[in-house]
PDB file of N, CA and C in Angstrom:
ATOM      1  N   UNK A   1     -21.330   1.424  -3.293  1.00  0.00           N
ATOM      2  CA  UNK A   1     -21.554  -0.306  -2.574  1.00  0.00           C
ATOM      3  C   UNK A   1     -22.303  -0.478  -0.960  1.00  0.00           C
ATOM      4  N   UNK A   2     -22.971  -1.211  -1.293  1.00  0.00           N
ATOM      5  CA  UNK A   2     -23.309  -1.753   0.390  1.00  0.00           C
ATOM      6  C   UNK A   2     -22.496  -2.949   0.373  1.00  0.00           C
ATOM      7  N   UNK A   3     -22.302  -3.240   1.674  1.00  0.00           N
ATOM      8  CA  UNK A   3     -21.632  -4.502   2.424  1.00  0.00           C
ATOM      9  C   UNK A   3     -22.298  -5.611   1.650  1.00  0.00           C
ATOM     10  N   UNK A   4     -23.574  -5.670   1.659  1.00  0.00           N
ATOM     11  CA  UNK A   4     -24.072  -6.622   0.887  1.00  0.00           C
ATOM     12  C   UNK A   4     -23.538  -7.251  -0.593  1.00  0.00           C
ATOM     13  N   UNK A   5     -23.428  -5.647  -1.241  1.00  0.00           N
ATOM     14  CA  UNK A   5     -23.174  -6.298  -2.415  1.00  0.00           C
ATOM     15  C   UNK A   5     -21.768  -6.508  -3.222  1.00  0.00           C
ATOM     16  N   UNK A   6     -20.293  -5.800  -1.930  1.00  0.00           N
ATOM     17  CA  UNK A   6     -19.562  -5.770  -1.608  1.00  0.00           C
ATOM     18  C   UNK A   6     -19.045  -7.541  -1.341  1.00  0.00           C
ATOM     19  N   UNK A   7     -19.590  -8.023   0.152  1.00  0.00           N
ATOM     20  CA  UNK A   7     -19.404 -10.049   0.289  1.00  0.00           C
ATOM     21  C   UNK A   7     -20.156 -10.750  -1.177  1.00  0.00           C
ATOM     22  N   UNK A   8     -20.799 -10.532  -1.951  1.00  0.00           N
ATOM     23  CA  UNK A   8     -21.094 -11.156  -2.724  1.00  0.00           C
ATOM     24  C   UNK A   8     -20.353 -11.343  -3.589  1.00  0.00           C
ATOM     25  N   UNK A   9     -19.163 -10.626  -4.251  1.00  0.00           N
ATOM     26  CA  UNK A   9     -18.502 -10.593  -4.974  1.00  0.00           C
ATOM     27  C   UNK A   9     -16.787 -11.070  -4.487  1.00  0.00           C
ATOM     28  N   UNK A  10     -16.871 -10.533  -3.516  1.00  0.00           N
ATOM     29  CA  UNK A  10     -15.420 -10.718  -2.717  1.00  0.00           C
ATOM     30  C   UNK A  10     -15.256 -11.594  -1.416  1.00  0.00           C
ATOM     31  N   UNK A  11     -14.167 -11.857  -0.594  1.00  0.00           N
ATOM     32  CA  UNK A  11     -13.458 -12.389   0.135  1.00  0.00           C
ATOM     33  C   UNK A  11     -12.933 -11.743   1.112  1.00  0.00           C
ATOM     34  N   UNK A  12     -12.843 -11.680   2.209  1.00  0.00           N
ATOM     35  CA  UNK A  12     -12.453 -10.708   2.603  1.00  0.00           C
ATOM     36  C   UNK A  12     -11.149 -11.556   3.720  1.00  0.00           C
ATOM     37  N   UNK A  13     -10.122 -11.200   4.068  1.00  0.00           N
ATOM     38  CA  UNK A  13      -9.512 -11.866   4.948  1.00  0.00           C
ATOM     39  C   UNK A  13      -8.176 -11.750   5.383  1.00  0.00           C
ATOM     40  N   UNK A  14      -7.735 -12.169   6.686  1.00  0.00           N
ATOM     41  CA  UNK A  14      -6.636 -10.835   7.012  1.00  0.00           C
ATOM     42  C   UNK A  14      -5.584 -12.030   6.834  1.00  0.00           C
ATOM     43  N   UNK A  15      -4.811 -11.057   6.650  1.00  0.00           N
ATOM     44  CA  UNK A  15      -3.009 -11.394   6.294  1.00  0.00           C
ATOM     45  C   UNK A  15      -2.746 -12.478   6.657  1.00  0.00           C
ATOM     46  N   UNK A  16      -2.376 -13.736   6.204  1.00  0.00           N
ATOM     47  CA  UNK A  16      -1.952 -14.743   7.314  1.00  0.00           C
ATOM     48  C   UNK A  16      -0.444 -14.302   8.011  1.00  0.00           C
ATOM     49  N   UNK A  17      -0.376 -15.402   9.578  1.00  0.00           N
ATOM     50  CA  UNK A  17       0.748 -14.877  10.289  1.00  0.00           C
ATOM     51  C   UNK A  17       2.235 -15.192   9.523  1.00  0.00           C
ATOM     52  N   UNK A  18       2.261 -16.241   8.426  1.00  0.00           N
ATOM     53  CA  UNK A  18       3.663 -16.373   8.266  1.00  0.00           C
ATOM     54  C   UNK A  18       3.447 -15.826   6.250  1.00  0.00           C
ATOM     55  N   UNK A  19       2.496 -15.202   5.722  1.00  0.00           N
ATOM     56  CA  UNK A  19       2.311 -15.215   4.628  1.00  0.00           C
ATOM     57  C   UNK A  19       3.113 -13.578   4.349  1.00  0.00           C
ATOM     58  N   UNK A  20       3.772 -13.586   2.952  1.00  0.00           N
ATOM     59  CA  UNK A  20       4.526 -12.403   2.577  1.00  0.00           C
ATOM     60  C   UNK A  20       4.100 -12.403   1.494  1.00  0.00           C
ATOM     61  N   UNK A  21       3.620 -11.034   1.269  1.00  0.00           N
ATOM     62  CA  UNK A  21       3.078 -10.470   0.050  1.00  0.00           C
ATOM     63  C   UNK A  21       4.248 -10.458  -1.386  1.00  0.00           C
ATOM     64  N   UNK A  22       4.331 -11.250  -2.109  1.00  0.00           N
ATOM     65  CA  UNK A  22       5.724 -10.829  -2.694  1.00  0.00           C
ATOM     66  C   UNK A  22       5.278  -9.479  -4.215  1.00  0.00           C
ATOM     67  N   UNK A  23       4.121  -9.355  -4.618  1.00  0.00           N
ATOM     68  CA  UNK A  23       4.398  -8.169  -5.068  1.00  0.00           C
ATOM     69  C   UNK A  23       2.763  -7.516  -4.881  1.00  0.00           C
ATOM     70  N   UNK A  24       2.701  -6.156  -4.903  1.00  0.00           N
ATOM     71  CA  UNK A  24       1.787  -5.207  -4.451  1.00  0.00           C
ATOM     72  C   UNK A  24       1.934  -3.861  -4.979  1.00  0.00           C
ATOM     73  N   UNK A  25       1.052  -3.197  -5.799  1.00  0.00           N
ATOM     74  CA  UNK A  25       1.449  -2.049  -7.324  1.00  0.00           C
ATOM     75  C   UNK A  25       0.101  -1.414  -7.135  1.00  0.00           C
ATOM     76  N   UNK A  26       0.164  -0.379  -6.223  1.00  0.00           N
ATOM     77  CA  UNK A  26      -1.298   0.422  -5.499  1.00  0.00           C
ATOM     78  C   UNK A  26      -1.036   1.885  -5.946  1.00  0.00           C
ATOM     79  N   UNK A  27      -0.090   1.970  -6.928  1.00  0.00           N
ATOM     80  CA  UNK A  27       0.038   3.041  -7.132  1.00  0.00           C
ATOM     81  C   UNK A  27       1.327   4.453  -6.027  1.00  0.00           C
ATOM     82  N   UNK A  28       1.207   4.140  -4.821  1.00  0.00           N
ATOM     83  CA  UNK A  28       1.779   4.923  -4.128  1.00  0.00           C
ATOM     84  C   UNK A  28       3.356   3.833  -3.324  1.00  0.00           C
ATOM     85  N   UNK A  29       4.257   4.297  -3.493  1.00  0.00           N
ATOM     86  CA  UNK A  29       5.759   3.153  -3.496  1.00  0.00           C
ATOM     87  C   UNK A  29       5.347   2.826  -1.653  1.00  0.00           C
ATOM     88  N   UNK A  30       5.291   3.997  -1.035  1.00  0.00           N
ATOM     89  CA  UNK A  30       5.408   3.689   0.423  1.00  0.00           C
ATOM     90  C   UNK A  30       4.342   2.945   0.697  1.00  0.00           C
ATOM     91  N   UNK A  31       3.170   2.875   0.191  1.00  0.00           N
ATOM     92  CA  UNK A  31       2.014   1.818   1.027  1.00  0.00           C
ATOM     93  C   UNK A  31       2.748   0.787  -0.086  1.00  0.00           C
ATOM     94  N   UNK A  32       3.287   0.648  -1.392  1.00  0.00           N
ATOM     95  CA  UNK A  32       3.610  -0.123  -1.792  1.00  0.00           C
ATOM     96  C   UNK A  32       4.496  -1.243  -0.847  1.00  0.00           C
ATOM     97  N   UNK A  33       5.852  -0.232  -0.408  1.00  0.00           N
ATOM     98  CA  UNK A  33       6.532  -0.815   0.377  1.00  0.00           C
ATOM     99  C   UNK A  33       6.202  -1.509   1.862  1.00  0.00           C
ATOM    100  N   UNK A  34       5.262  -0.936   2.552  1.00  0.00           N
ATOM    101  CA  UNK A  34       4.649  -1.136   3.776  1.00  0.00           C
ATOM    102  C   UNK A  34       4.148  -2.514   3.427  1.00  0.00           C
ATOM    103  N   UNK A  35       3.197  -2.963   2.471  1.00  0.00           N
ATOM    104  CA  UNK A  35       2.300  -3.999   2.155  1.00  0.00           C
ATOM    105  C   UNK A  35       3.356  -5.183   1.821  1.00  0.00           C
ATOM    106  N   UNK A  36       4.691  -5.171   1.264  1.00  0.00           N
ATOM    107  CA  UNK A  36       5.683  -6.229   1.068  1.00  0.00           C
ATOM    108  C   UNK A  36       6.265  -6.171   1.625  1.00  0.00           C
ATOM    109  N   UNK A  37       7.335  -5.456   2.584  1.00  0.00           N
ATOM    110  CA  UNK A  37       8.143  -5.164   3.429  1.00  0.00           C
ATOM    111  C   UNK A  37       7.633  -5.386   5.236  1.00  0.00           C
ATOM    112  N   UNK A  38       6.909  -4.438   5.250  1.00  0.00           N
ATOM    113  CA  UNK A  38       6.355  -4.419   6.881  1.00  0.00           C
ATOM    114  C   UNK A  38       5.228  -4.992   7.460  1.00  0.00           C
ATOM    115  N   UNK A  39       4.045  -5.374   6.700  1.00  0.00           N
ATOM    116  CA  UNK A  39       3.113  -5.792   6.919  1.00  0.00           C
ATOM    117  C   UNK A  39       3.267  -7.373   7.554  1.00  0.00           C
ATOM    118  N   UNK A  40       4.194  -7.957   7.123  1.00  0.00           N
ATOM    119  CA  UNK A  40       4.067  -9.259   8.121  1.00  0.00           C
ATOM    120  C   UNK A  40       4.273  -9.162   9.552  1.00  0.00           C
ATOM    121  N   UNK A  41       5.992  -8.499   9.350  1.00  0.00           N
ATOM    122  CA  UNK A  41       6.400  -8.136  10.968  1.00  0.00           C
ATOM    123  C   UNK A  41       5.096  -7.411  11.440  1.00  0.00           C
ATOM    124  N   UNK A  42       4.387  -6.410  11.263  1.00  0.00           N
ATOM    125  CA  UNK A  42       3.587  -5.632  12.090  1.00  0.00           C
ATOM    126  C   UNK A  42       2.814  -6.774  12.617  1.00  0.00           C
ATOM    127  N   UNK A  43       1.740  -7.159  11.319  1.00  0.00           N
ATOM    128  CA  UNK A  43       0.986  -8.645  11.863  1.00  0.00           C
ATOM    129  C   UNK A  43       1.526  -9.611  13.260  1.00  0.00           C
ATOM    130  N   UNK A  44       2.959 -10.056  13.285  1.00  0.00           N
ATOM    131  CA  UNK A  44       4.035 -10.580  13.803  1.00  0.00           C
ATOM    132  C   UNK A  44       3.925 -10.119  15.294  1.00  0.00           C
ATOM    133  N   UNK A  45       4.095  -9.241  15.312  1.00  0.00           N
ATOM    134  CA  UNK A  45       4.168  -8.468  16.439  1.00  0.00           C
ATOM    135  C   UNK A  45       2.700  -7.237  16.939  1.00  0.00           C
ATOM    136  N   UNK A  46       1.858  -7.737  16.289  1.00  0.00           N
ATOM    137  CA  UNK A  46       0.586  -7.348  16.558  1.00  0.00           C
ATOM    138  C   UNK A  46       0.415  -5.645  16.515  1.00  0.00           C
ATOM    139  N   UNK A  47       1.200  -5.050  16.056  1.00  0.00           N
ATOM    140  CA  UNK A  47       1.120  -3.393  15.897  1.00  0.00           C
ATOM    141  C   UNK A  47       0.429  -3.121  15.000  1.00  0.00           C
ATOM    142  N   UNK A  48      -0.430  -3.652  14.285  1.00  0.00           N
ATOM    143  CA  UNK A  48      -1.432  -3.633  13.150  1.00  0.00           C
ATOM    144  C   UNK A  48      -1.780  -5.061  12.100  1.00  0.00           C
ATOM    145  N   UNK A  49      -3.061  -5.420  11.623  1.00  0.00           N
ATOM    146  CA  UNK A  49      -3.868  -6.278  10.983  1.00  0.00           C
ATOM    147  C   UNK A  49      -4.021  -5.877  10.055  1.00  0.00           C
ATOM    148  N   UNK A  50      -3.272  -6.747   8.244  1.00  0.00           N
ATOM    149  CA  UNK A  50      -3.635  -6.106   7.225  1.00  0.00           C
ATOM    150  C   UNK A  50      -4.853  -7.186   6.809  1.00  0.00           C
ATOM    151  N   UNK A  51      -5.918  -6.722   5.630  1.00  0.00           N
ATOM    152  CA  UNK A  51      -6.255  -7.335   5.156  1.00  0.00           C
ATOM    153  C   UNK A  51      -6.878  -7.770   3.585  1.00  0.00           C
ATOM    154  N   UNK A  52      -7.003  -8.229   3.270  1.00  0.00           N
ATOM    155  CA  UNK A  52      -7.035  -8.608   1.644  1.00  0.00           C
ATOM    156  C   UNK A  52      -8.427  -8.682   1.339  1.00  0.00           C
ATOM    157  N   UNK A  53      -8.539  -8.046   0.175  1.00  0.00           N
ATOM    158  CA  UNK A  53      -9.885  -8.265  -0.469  1.00  0.00           C
ATOM    159  C   UNK A  53     -10.018  -8.600  -1.664  1.00  0.00           C
ATOM    160  N   UNK A  54     -10.204  -9.831  -2.285  1.00  0.00           N
ATOM    161  CA  UNK A  54      -9.941 -10.619  -2.774  1.00  0.00           C
ATOM    162  C   UNK A  54     -11.389 -10.894  -3.530  1.00  0.00           C
ATOM    163  N   UNK A  55     -11.108 -11.312  -5.347  1.00  0.00           N
ATOM    164  CA  UNK A  55     -11.927 -11.172  -6.179  1.00  0.00           C
ATOM    165  C   UNK A  55     -12.572 -12.142  -6.091  1.00  0.00           C
ATOM    166  N   UNK A  56     -14.539 -13.098  -5.435  1.00  0.00           N
ATOM    167  CA  UNK A  56     -13.938 -14.619  -5.332  1.00  0.00           C
ATOM    168  C   UNK A  56     -14.128 -14.855  -7.100  1.00  0.00           C
ATOM    169  N   UNK A  57     -14.094 -14.403  -8.380  1.00  0.00           N
ATOM    170  CA  UNK A  57     -14.607 -15.057  -9.412  1.00  0.00           C
ATOM    171  C   UNK A  57     -12.815 -15.262  -9.970  1.00  0.00           C
ATOM    172  N   UNK A  58     -12.198 -14.215  -9.802  1.00  0.00           N
ATOM    173  CA  UNK A  58     -10.680 -14.199 -10.564  1.00  0.00           C
ATOM    174  C   UNK A  58     -10.017 -14.152  -9.658  1.00  0.00           C
ATOM    175  N   UNK A  59      -9.557 -14.373  -8.087  1.00  0.00           N
ATOM    176  CA  UNK A  59      -9.055 -14.345  -7.110  1.00  0.00           C
ATOM    177  C   UNK A  59      -8.051 -13.685  -7.379  1.00  0.00           C
ATOM    178  N   UNK A  60      -8.135 -12.139  -8.038  1.00  0.00           N
ATOM    179  CA  UNK A  60      -7.602 -11.103  -8.041  1.00  0.00           C
ATOM    180  C   UNK A  60      -7.582 -10.144  -6.679  1.00  0.00           C
ATOM    181  N   UNK A  61      -6.357 -10.112  -6.163  1.00  0.00           N
ATOM    182  CA  UNK A  61      -6.242  -9.167  -4.750  1.00  0.00           C
ATOM    183  C   UNK A  61      -6.619  -7.337  -5.521  1.00  0.00           C
ATOM    184  N   UNK A  62      -7.996  -6.656  -4.935  1.00  0.00           N
ATOM    185  CA  UNK A  62      -8.501  -6.122  -4.976  1.00  0.00           C
ATOM    186  C   UNK A  62      -7.734  -4.956  -3.957  1.00  0.00           C
ATOM    187  N   UNK A  63      -7.646  -4.798  -2.488  1.00  0.00           N
ATOM    188  CA  UNK A  63      -7.261  -3.586  -2.152  1.00  0.00           C
ATOM    189  C   UNK A  63      -6.196  -4.357  -0.870  1.00  0.00           C
ATOM    190  N   UNK A  64      -5.734  -3.967   0.198  1.00  0.00           N
ATOM    191  CA  UNK A  64      -4.969  -4.664   1.189  1.00  0.00           C
ATOM    192  C   UNK A  64      -5.526  -3.594   2.141  1.00  0.00           C
ATOM    193  N   UNK A  65      -5.693  -3.361   3.246  1.00  0.00           N
ATOM    194  CA  UNK A  65      -6.276  -2.631   3.855  1.00  0.00           C
ATOM    195  C   UNK A  65      -5.075  -3.125   5.516  1.00  0.00           C
ATOM    196  N   UNK A  66      -4.623  -1.886   5.923  1.00  0.00           N
ATOM    197  CA  UNK A  66      -4.168  -1.875   7.384  1.00  0.00           C
ATOM    198  C   UNK A  66      -4.670  -1.325   8.694  1.00  0.00           C
ATOM    199  N   UNK A  67      -5.418  -2.213   9.768  1.00  0.00           N
ATOM    200  CA  UNK A  67      -5.885  -1.217  10.996  1.00  0.00           C
ATOM    201  C   UNK A  67      -4.540  -1.363  11.830  1.00  0.00           C
ATOM    202  N   UNK A  68      -4.192  -0.621  12.814  1.00  0.00           N
ATOM    203  CA  UNK A  68      -3.829  -0.930  13.401  1.00  0.00           C
ATOM    204  C   UNK A  68      -4.801  -0.378  15.208  1.00  0.00           C
TER     205      UNK A  68
END
C-alpha cells in the first residue's frame, strides 16, 4: 500500500502530551503494556514519540508506533 492510499483512509497523529491509552491489544503483552503504561511517560520525558494511525471513517485506532 502506498503512502497516498494510506493517507486517503487514515489519519496519523502523535499521542497527546497528557493523553493516556486506556485499552490496547495488538496480541503482544509486552507491547500492550508499554502502550498503556509507559508510552505517556516516554512522551513527557522526550524518550520516544508514539504515533496513532486511526481510520477516518470508523475512528478505529489501527496501529500505534513508537519511535525514539
